[in-house]
Amino acid sequence: MPEKFIPATPAPRIVPCPTCGGDSLFAPTNLWRPFCSERCRQIDLGHWSDESFRVAAPPTTIDEDDASK
């Protein structure tokens, strides 16, 4: 029975950068992963800080009886 070859390290994964859509190496050697560069990481952080990006949540209602307390 032939033995299967198992690579010592996994093949590098290339993923799309969430900011610009360019190729980004998804590996510990990429300091900005999942982004392709520090610039794209900073742009994404800026979108979160100016509330362009938000985490979806169901709308909340305020009960008038509770609001007056």
PDB file of N, CA and C in Angstrom:
ATOM      1  N   MET A   1       0.849  -1.171   0.000  1.00  0.00           N
ATOM      2  CA  MET A   1       0.000   0.000   0.000  1.00  0.00           C
ATOM      3  C   MET A   1       0.901   1.242   0.000  1.00  0.00           C
ATOM      4  N   PRO A   2       0.717   2.132  -0.969  1.00  0.00           N
ATOM      5  CA  PRO A   2       1.569   3.324  -1.022  1.00  0.00           C
ATOM      6  C   PRO A   2       1.219   4.304   0.101  1.00  0.00           C
ATOM      7  N   GLU A   3       2.262   4.950   0.614  1.00  0.00           N
ATOM      8  CA  GLU A   3       2.040   5.936   1.670  1.00  0.00           C
ATOM      9  C   GLU A   3       1.628   7.265   1.062  1.00  0.00           C
ATOM     10  N   LYS A   4       0.767   7.969   1.762  1.00  0.00           N
ATOM     11  CA  LYS A   4       0.328   9.282   1.295  1.00  0.00           C
ATOM     12  C   LYS A   4       1.352  10.329   1.723  1.00  0.00           C
ATOM     13  N   PHE A   5       1.575  11.295   0.840  1.00  0.00           N
ATOM     14  CA  PHE A   5       2.486  12.391   1.144  1.00  0.00           C
ATOM     15  C   PHE A   5       1.732  13.444   1.950  1.00  0.00           C
ATOM     16  N   ILE A   6       2.251  13.769   3.105  1.00  0.00           N
ATOM     17  CA  ILE A   6       1.646  14.798   3.946  1.00  0.00           C
ATOM     18  C   ILE A   6       2.635  15.956   4.032  1.00  0.00           C
ATOM     19  N   PRO A   7       2.257  17.115   3.506  1.00  0.00           N
ATOM     20  CA  PRO A   7       3.193  18.246   3.541  1.00  0.00           C
ATOM     21  C   PRO A   7       3.452  18.716   4.973  1.00  0.00           C
ATOM     22  N   ALA A   8       4.659  19.184   5.219  1.00  0.00           N
ATOM     23  CA  ALA A   8       5.039  19.651   6.553  1.00  0.00           C
ATOM     24  C   ALA A   8       4.298  20.935   6.921  1.00  0.00           C
ATOM     25  N   THR A   9       4.069  21.797   5.942  1.00  0.00           N
ATOM     26  CA  THR A   9       3.340  23.035   6.190  1.00  0.00           C
ATOM     27  C   THR A   9       2.187  23.134   5.202  1.00  0.00           C
ATOM     28  N   PRO A  10       1.072  23.679   5.642  1.00  0.00           N
ATOM     29  CA  PRO A  10      -0.059  23.815   4.716  1.00  0.00           C
ATOM     30  C   PRO A  10       0.250  24.835   3.620  1.00  0.00           C
ATOM     31  N   ALA A  11      -0.406  24.671   2.506  1.00  0.00           N
ATOM     32  CA  ALA A  11      -0.233  25.607   1.391  1.00  0.00           C
ATOM     33  C   ALA A  11      -0.762  26.977   1.805  1.00  0.00           C
ATOM     34  N   PRO A  12      -0.106  28.040   1.357  1.00  0.00           N
ATOM     35  CA  PRO A  12      -0.589  29.380   1.722  1.00  0.00           C
ATOM     36  C   PRO A  12      -1.980  29.638   1.157  1.00  0.00           C
ATOM     37  N   ARG A  13      -2.809  30.292   1.954  1.00  0.00           N
ATOM     38  CA  ARG A  13      -4.162  30.631   1.511  1.00  0.00           C
ATOM     39  C   ARG A  13      -4.187  32.084   1.084  1.00  0.00           C
ATOM     40  N   ILE A  14      -4.709  32.328  -0.078  1.00  0.00           N
ATOM     41  CA  ILE A  14      -4.902  33.680  -0.576  1.00  0.00           C
ATOM     42  C   ILE A  14      -6.396  33.969  -0.492  1.00  0.00           C
ATOM     43  N   VAL A  15      -6.738  35.036   0.214  1.00  0.00           N
ATOM     44  CA  VAL A  15      -8.139  35.423   0.385  1.00  0.00           C
ATOM     45  C   VAL A  15      -8.310  36.853  -0.115  1.00  0.00           C
ATOM     46  N   PRO A  16      -9.527  37.256  -0.466  1.00  0.00           N
ATOM     47  CA  PRO A  16      -9.731  38.648  -0.876  1.00  0.00           C
ATOM     48  C   PRO A  16      -9.669  39.584   0.335  1.00  0.00           C
ATOM     49  N   CYS A  17      -9.006  40.696   0.159  1.00  0.00           N
ATOM     50  CA  CYS A  17      -8.931  41.717   1.209  1.00  0.00           C
ATOM     51  C   CYS A  17     -10.336  42.291   1.408  1.00  0.00           C
ATOM     52  N   PRO A  18     -10.825  42.372   2.647  1.00  0.00           N
ATOM     53  CA  PRO A  18     -12.172  42.898   2.879  1.00  0.00           C
ATOM     54  C   PRO A  18     -12.350  44.354   2.456  1.00  0.00           C
ATOM     55  N   THR A  19     -11.269  45.108   2.378  1.00  0.00           N
ATOM     56  CA  THR A  19     -11.373  46.524   2.037  1.00  0.00           C
ATOM     57  C   THR A  19     -11.284  46.769   0.543  1.00  0.00           C
ATOM     58  N   CYS A  20     -10.225  46.259  -0.093  1.00  0.00           N
ATOM     59  CA  CYS A  20     -10.003  46.582  -1.509  1.00  0.00           C
ATOM     60  C   CYS A  20     -10.305  45.429  -2.455  1.00  0.00           C
ATOM     61  N   GLY A  21     -10.460  44.216  -1.923  1.00  0.00           N
ATOM     62  CA  GLY A  21     -10.751  43.065  -2.765  1.00  0.00           C
ATOM     63  C   GLY A  21      -9.523  42.440  -3.398  1.00  0.00           C
ATOM     64  N   GLY A  22      -8.345  43.005  -3.154  1.00  0.00           N
ATOM     65  CA  GLY A  22      -7.110  42.453  -3.702  1.00  0.00           C
ATOM     66  C   GLY A  22      -6.706  41.177  -2.987  1.00  0.00           C
ATOM     67  N   ASP A  23      -5.685  40.515  -3.503  1.00  0.00           N
ATOM     68  CA  ASP A  23      -5.197  39.282  -2.893  1.00  0.00           C
ATOM     69  C   ASP A  23      -4.509  39.576  -1.565  1.00  0.00           C
ATOM     70  N   SER A  24      -4.805  38.752  -0.576  1.00  0.00           N
ATOM     71  CA  SER A  24      -4.199  38.893   0.741  1.00  0.00           C
ATOM     72  C   SER A  24      -3.791  37.520   1.242  1.00  0.00           C
ATOM     73  N   LEU A  25      -2.557  37.408   1.714  1.00  0.00           N
ATOM     74  CA  LEU A  25      -2.065  36.151   2.261  1.00  0.00           C
ATOM     75  C   LEU A  25      -2.644  35.974   3.659  1.00  0.00           C
ATOM     76  N   PHE A  26      -3.375  34.880   3.857  1.00  0.00           N
ATOM     77  CA  PHE A  26      -3.958  34.606   5.170  1.00  0.00           C
ATOM     78  C   PHE A  26      -3.027  33.648   5.895  1.00  0.00           C
ATOM     79  N   ALA A  27      -2.023  34.221   6.542  1.00  0.00           N
ATOM     80  CA  ALA A  27      -1.017  33.440   7.254  1.00  0.00           C
ATOM     81  C   ALA A  27      -0.442  34.293   8.377  1.00  0.00           C
ATOM     82  N   PRO A  28       0.149  33.659   9.386  1.00  0.00           N
ATOM     83  CA  PRO A  28       0.733  34.424  10.491  1.00  0.00           C
ATOM     84  C   PRO A  28       1.813  35.414  10.050  1.00  0.00           C
ATOM     85  N   THR A  29       2.410  35.193   8.893  1.00  0.00           N
ATOM     86  CA  THR A  29       3.443  36.115   8.415  1.00  0.00           C
ATOM     87  C   THR A  29       2.864  37.430   7.915  1.00  0.00           C
ATOM     88  N   ASN A  30       1.559  37.469   7.616  1.00  0.00           N
ATOM     89  CA  ASN A  30       0.910  38.706   7.182  1.00  0.00           C
ATOM     90  C   ASN A  30       0.447  39.453   8.429  1.00  0.00           C
ATOM     91  N   LEU A  31       1.143  40.525   8.769  1.00  0.00           N
ATOM     92  CA  LEU A  31       0.835  41.265   9.994  1.00  0.00           C
ATOM     93  C   LEU A  31      -0.546  41.895   9.982  1.00  0.00           C
ATOM     94  N   TRP A  32      -1.122  42.090   8.816  1.00  0.00           N
ATOM     95  CA  TRP A  32      -2.407  42.795   8.705  1.00  0.00           C
ATOM     96  C   TRP A  32      -3.563  41.864   8.356  1.00  0.00           C
ATOM     97  N   ARG A  33      -3.365  40.560   8.396  1.00  0.00           N
ATOM     98  CA  ARG A  33      -4.417  39.645   7.949  1.00  0.00           C
ATOM     99  C   ARG A  33      -5.716  39.922   8.661  1.00  0.00           C
ATOM    100  N   PRO A  34      -6.830  39.861   8.051  1.00  0.00           N
ATOM    101  CA  PRO A  34      -7.102  39.392   6.695  1.00  0.00           C
ATOM    102  C   PRO A  34      -6.909  40.464   5.630  1.00  0.00           C
ATOM    103  N   PHE A  35      -6.381  41.625   6.017  1.00  0.00           N
ATOM    104  CA  PHE A  35      -6.193  42.717   5.060  1.00  0.00           C
ATOM    105  C   PHE A  35      -4.879  42.537   4.314  1.00  0.00           C
ATOM    106  N   CYS A  36      -4.759  43.202   3.168  1.00  0.00           N
ATOM    107  CA  CYS A  36      -3.543  43.072   2.365  1.00  0.00           C
ATOM    108  C   CYS A  36      -2.463  44.051   2.801  1.00  0.00           C
ATOM    109  N   SER A  37      -2.836  45.101   3.518  1.00  0.00           N
ATOM    110  CA  SER A  37      -1.854  46.110   3.916  1.00  0.00           C
ATOM    111  C   SER A  37      -2.342  46.855   5.152  1.00  0.00           C
ATOM    112  N   GLU A  38      -1.424  47.605   5.754  1.00  0.00           N
ATOM    113  CA  GLU A  38      -1.807  48.421   6.903  1.00  0.00           C
ATOM    114  C   GLU A  38      -2.818  49.487   6.487  1.00  0.00           C
ATOM    115  N   ARG A  39      -2.674  50.004   5.276  1.00  0.00           N
ATOM    116  CA  ARG A  39      -3.609  51.024   4.779  1.00  0.00           C
ATOM    117  C   ARG A  39      -5.042  50.492   4.775  1.00  0.00           C
ATOM    118  N   CYS A  40      -5.240  49.286   4.229  1.00  0.00           N
ATOM    119  CA  CYS A  40      -6.590  48.702   4.194  1.00  0.00           C
ATOM    120  C   CYS A  40      -7.108  48.438   5.605  1.00  0.00           C
ATOM    121  N   ARG A  41      -6.231  48.032   6.510  1.00  0.00           N
ATOM    122  CA  ARG A  41      -6.639  47.804   7.897  1.00  0.00           C
ATOM    123  C   ARG A  41      -7.093  49.112   8.537  1.00  0.00           C
ATOM    124  N   GLN A  42      -6.363  50.190   8.284  1.00  0.00           N
ATOM    125  CA  GLN A  42      -6.715  51.493   8.846  1.00  0.00           C
ATOM    126  C   GLN A  42      -8.026  52.027   8.264  1.00  0.00           C
ATOM    127  N   ILE A  43      -8.243  51.810   6.975  1.00  0.00           N
ATOM    128  CA  ILE A  43      -9.502  52.228   6.346  1.00  0.00           C
ATOM    129  C   ILE A  43     -10.674  51.514   7.012  1.00  0.00           C
ATOM    130  N   ASP A  44     -10.530  50.201   7.235  1.00  0.00           N
ATOM    131  CA  ASP A  44     -11.587  49.425   7.883  1.00  0.00           C
ATOM    132  C   ASP A  44     -11.837  49.934   9.302  1.00  0.00           C
ATOM    133  N   LEU A  45     -10.777  50.201  10.044  1.00  0.00           N
ATOM    134  CA  LEU A  45     -10.919  50.723  11.401  1.00  0.00           C
ATOM    135  C   LEU A  45     -11.642  52.068  11.387  1.00  0.00           C
ATOM    136  N   GLY A  46     -11.332  52.902  10.406  1.00  0.00           N
ATOM    137  CA  GLY A  46     -12.005  54.191  10.275  1.00  0.00           C
ATOM    138  C   GLY A  46     -13.496  54.040  10.033  1.00  0.00           C
ATOM    139  N   HIS A  47     -13.870  53.045   9.222  1.00  0.00           N
ATOM    140  CA  HIS A  47     -15.300  52.809   8.976  1.00  0.00           C
ATOM    141  C   HIS A  47     -16.020  52.408  10.263  1.00  0.00           C
ATOM    142  N   TRP A  48     -15.371  51.605  11.095  1.00  0.00           N
ATOM    143  CA  TRP A  48     -15.989  51.222  12.365  1.00  0.00           C
ATOM    144  C   TRP A  48     -16.073  52.418  13.301  1.00  0.00           C
ATOM    145  N   SER A  49     -15.017  53.235  13.347  1.00  0.00           N
ATOM    146  CA  SER A  49     -15.008  54.345  14.304  1.00  0.00           C
ATOM    147  C   SER A  49     -15.986  55.459  13.933  1.00  0.00           C
ATOM    148  N   ASP A  50     -16.246  55.652  12.634  1.00  0.00           N
ATOM    149  CA  ASP A  50     -17.235  56.682  12.271  1.00  0.00           C
ATOM    150  C   ASP A  50     -18.633  56.089  12.086  1.00  0.00           C
ATOM    151  N   GLU A  51     -18.792  54.833  12.513  1.00  0.00           N
ATOM    152  CA  GLU A  51     -20.064  54.109  12.510  1.00  0.00           C
ATOM    153  C   GLU A  51     -20.643  53.883  11.121  1.00  0.00           C
ATOM    154  N   SER A  52     -19.759  53.831  10.100  1.00  0.00           N
ATOM    155  CA  SER A  52     -20.217  53.420   8.773  1.00  0.00           C
ATOM    156  C   SER A  52     -20.564  51.936   8.789  1.00  0.00           C
ATOM    157  N   PHE A  53     -19.837  51.167   9.611  1.00  0.00           N
ATOM    158  CA  PHE A  53     -20.119  49.745   9.795  1.00  0.00           C
ATOM    159  C   PHE A  53     -20.801  49.591  11.141  1.00  0.00           C
ATOM    160  N   ARG A  54     -21.785  48.695  11.194  1.00  0.00           N
ATOM    161  CA  ARG A  54     -22.478  48.419  12.446  1.00  0.00           C
ATOM    162  C   ARG A  54     -22.800  46.943  12.517  1.00  0.00           C
ATOM    163  N   VAL A  55     -22.907  46.446  13.719  1.00  0.00           N
ATOM    164  CA  VAL A  55     -23.330  45.070  13.935  1.00  0.00           C
ATOM    165  C   VAL A  55     -24.849  45.064  13.919  1.00  0.00           C
ATOM    166  N   ALA A  56     -25.420  44.187  13.102  1.00  0.00           N
ATOM    167  CA  ALA A  56     -26.876  44.124  12.982  1.00  0.00           C
ATOM    168  C   ALA A  56     -27.489  43.639  14.298  1.00  0.00           C
ATOM    169  N   ALA A  57     -28.566  44.273  14.676  1.00  0.00           N
ATOM    170  CA  ALA A  57     -29.293  43.887  15.882  1.00  0.00           C
ATOM    171  C   ALA A  57     -30.769  44.167  15.652  1.00  0.00           C
ATOM    172  N   PRO A  58     -31.626  43.389  16.279  1.00  0.00           N
ATOM    173  CA  PRO A  58     -33.056  43.652  16.112  1.00  0.00           C
ATOM    174  C   PRO A  58     -33.411  45.004  16.725  1.00  0.00           C
ATOM    175  N   PRO A  59     -34.405  45.677  16.164  1.00  0.00           N
ATOM    176  CA  PRO A  59     -34.799  46.972  16.726  1.00  0.00           C
ATOM    177  C   PRO A  59     -35.336  46.795  18.143  1.00  0.00           C
ATOM    178  N   THR A  60     -35.041  47.763  18.970  1.00  0.00           N
ATOM    179  CA  THR A  60     -35.527  47.701  20.346  1.00  0.00           C
ATOM    180  C   THR A  60     -36.664  48.690  20.518  1.00  0.00           C
ATOM    181  N   THR A  61     -37.588  48.341  21.377  1.00  0.00           N
ATOM    182  CA  THR A  61     -38.700  49.242  21.677  1.00  0.00           C
ATOM    183  C   THR A  61     -38.591  49.638  23.140  1.00  0.00           C
ATOM    184  N   ILE A  62     -38.946  50.860  23.416  1.00  0.00           N
ATOM    185  CA  ILE A  62     -38.913  51.356  24.786  1.00  0.00           C
ATOM    186  C   ILE A  62     -40.349  51.409  25.292  1.00  0.00           C
ATOM    187  N   ASP A  63     -40.572  50.712  26.373  1.00  0.00           N
ATOM    188  CA  ASP A  63     -41.895  50.724  26.992  1.00  0.00           C
ATOM    189  C   ASP A  63     -42.056  52.062  27.714  1.00  0.00           C
ATOM    190  N   GLU A  64     -43.128  52.789  27.412  1.00  0.00           N
ATOM    191  CA  GLU A  64     -43.326  54.122  27.995  1.00  0.00           C
ATOM    192  C   GLU A  64     -43.401  54.068  29.516  1.00  0.00           C
ATOM    193  N   ASP A  65     -43.929  52.991  30.068  1.00  0.00           N
ATOM    194  CA  ASP A  65     -44.003  52.866  31.524  1.00  0.00           C
ATOM    195  C   ASP A  65     -42.604  52.758  32.124  1.00  0.00           C
ATOM    196  N   ASP A  66     -41.718  52.017  31.454  1.00  0.00           N
ATOM    197  CA  ASP A  66     -40.352  51.864  31.945  1.00  0.00           C
ATOM    198  C   ASP A  66     -39.544  53.140  31.753  1.00  0.00           C
ATOM    199  N   ALA A  67     -39.814  53.901  30.698  1.00  0.00           N
ATOM    200  CA  ALA A  67     -39.048  55.112  30.408  1.00  0.00           C
ATOM    201  C   ALA A  67     -39.312  56.210  31.433  1.00  0.00           C
ATOM    202  N   SER A  68     -40.501  56.216  32.033  1.00  0.00           N
ATOM    203  CA  SER A  68     -40.838  57.276  32.985  1.00  0.00           C
ATOM    204  C   SER A  68     -40.277  57.009  34.377  1.00  0.00           C
ATOM    205  N   LYS A  69     -39.746  55.836  34.624  1.00  0.00           N
ATOM    206  CA  LYS A  69     -39.225  55.482  35.964  1.00  0.00           C
ATOM    207  C   LYS A  69     -37.856  56.029  36.188  1.00  0.00           C
TER     208      LYS A  69
END
